[in-house]
């Protein structure tokens, strides 16, 4: 189940469209220090979440 979610999330976030949090993933590639996780839980715990 997790593999299916991970594949959909990766495909959606790298597609250039807003699918499954694509904007947050763009921030990850722009700054390299935010939004590491796929669901954001660990980012919230460690303070690396950044949202527009």
C-alpha atoms as a PDB file:
ATOM      1  CA  UNK A   1       0.000   0.000   0.000  1.00  0.00           C
ATOM      2  CA  UNK A   2       2.792   2.434   0.896  1.00  0.00           C
ATOM      3  CA  UNK A   3       4.598   1.705  -2.378  1.00  0.00           C
ATOM      4  CA  UNK A   4       1.492   2.655  -4.363  1.00  0.00           C
ATOM      5  CA  UNK A   5       1.158   5.916  -2.424  1.00  0.00           C
ATOM      6  CA  UNK A   6       4.875   6.678  -2.809  1.00  0.00           C
ATOM      7  CA  UNK A   7       4.755   6.134  -6.574  1.00  0.00           C
ATOM      8  CA  UNK A   8       1.661   8.301  -6.991  1.00  0.00           C
ATOM      9  CA  UNK A   9       3.097  11.004  -4.768  1.00  0.00           C
ATOM     10  CA  UNK A  10       6.441  11.045  -6.576  1.00  0.00           C
ATOM     11  CA  UNK A  11       4.824  11.111 -10.000  1.00  0.00           C
ATOM     12  CA  UNK A  12       2.408  13.837  -9.002  1.00  0.00           C
ATOM     13  CA  UNK A  13       4.946  16.047  -7.293  1.00  0.00           C
ATOM     14  CA  UNK A  14       7.393  15.911 -10.208  1.00  0.00           C
ATOM     15  CA  UNK A  15       4.778  16.368 -12.941  1.00  0.00           C
ATOM     16  CA  UNK A  16       4.704  20.171 -12.815  1.00  0.00           C
ATOM     17  CA  UNK A  17       0.992  20.152 -11.936  1.00  0.00           C
ATOM     18  CA  UNK A  18      -0.609  20.601  -8.522  1.00  0.00           C
ATOM     19  CA  UNK A  19      -1.225  16.959  -7.630  1.00  0.00           C
ATOM     20  CA  UNK A  20      -0.770  15.666  -4.076  1.00  0.00           C
ATOM     21  CA  UNK A  21       1.192  18.644  -2.777  1.00  0.00           C
ATOM     22  CA  UNK A  22       3.267  19.600  -5.780  1.00  0.00           C
ATOM     23  CA  UNK A  23       3.849  23.146  -4.538  1.00  0.00           C
ATOM     24  CA  UNK A  24       5.431  21.904  -1.309  1.00  0.00           C
ATOM     25  CA  UNK A  25       7.726  19.667  -3.324  1.00  0.00           C
ATOM     26  CA  UNK A  26       8.763  22.606  -5.491  1.00  0.00           C
ATOM     27  CA  UNK A  27       9.836  24.405  -2.303  1.00  0.00           C
ATOM     28  CA  UNK A  28      11.902  21.320  -1.396  1.00  0.00           C
ATOM     29  CA  UNK A  29      13.799  21.548  -4.700  1.00  0.00           C
ATOM     30  CA  UNK A  30      14.183  25.332  -4.502  1.00  0.00           C
ATOM     31  CA  UNK A  31      15.616  25.587  -0.967  1.00  0.00           C
ATOM     32  CA  UNK A  32      16.927  22.036  -0.254  1.00  0.00           C
ATOM     33  CA  UNK A  33      16.179  22.331   3.471  1.00  0.00           C
ATOM     34  CA  UNK A  34      12.386  21.983   3.677  1.00  0.00           C
ATOM     35  CA  UNK A  35       9.680  19.388   3.039  1.00  0.00           C
ATOM     36  CA  UNK A  36      11.668  16.150   3.016  1.00  0.00           C
ATOM     37  CA  UNK A  37       8.924  13.673   3.903  1.00  0.00           C
ATOM     38  CA  UNK A  38       6.147  12.364   1.703  1.00  0.00           C
ATOM     39  CA  UNK A  39       3.328  12.964   4.199  1.00  0.00           C
ATOM     40  CA  UNK A  40       4.880  15.772   6.234  1.00  0.00           C
ATOM     41  CA  UNK A  41       4.718  14.162   9.689  1.00  0.00           C
ATOM     42  CA  UNK A  42       8.470  14.025  10.243  1.00  0.00           C
ATOM     43  CA  UNK A  43       8.837  17.518   8.778  1.00  0.00           C
ATOM     44  CA  UNK A  44       6.418  18.824  11.418  1.00  0.00           C
ATOM     45  CA  UNK A  45       8.301  17.012  14.188  1.00  0.00           C
ATOM     46  CA  UNK A  46      11.740  18.280  13.123  1.00  0.00           C
ATOM     47  CA  UNK A  47      10.648  21.758  11.994  1.00  0.00           C
ATOM     48  CA  UNK A  48      11.525  21.324   8.318  1.00  0.00           C
ATOM     49  CA  UNK A  49       8.005  21.883   6.982  1.00  0.00           C
ATOM     50  CA  UNK A  50       7.439  25.014   4.914  1.00  0.00           C
ATOM     51  CA  UNK A  51       4.215  25.826   3.116  1.00  0.00           C
ATOM     52  CA  UNK A  52       3.188  28.699   0.909  1.00  0.00           C
END
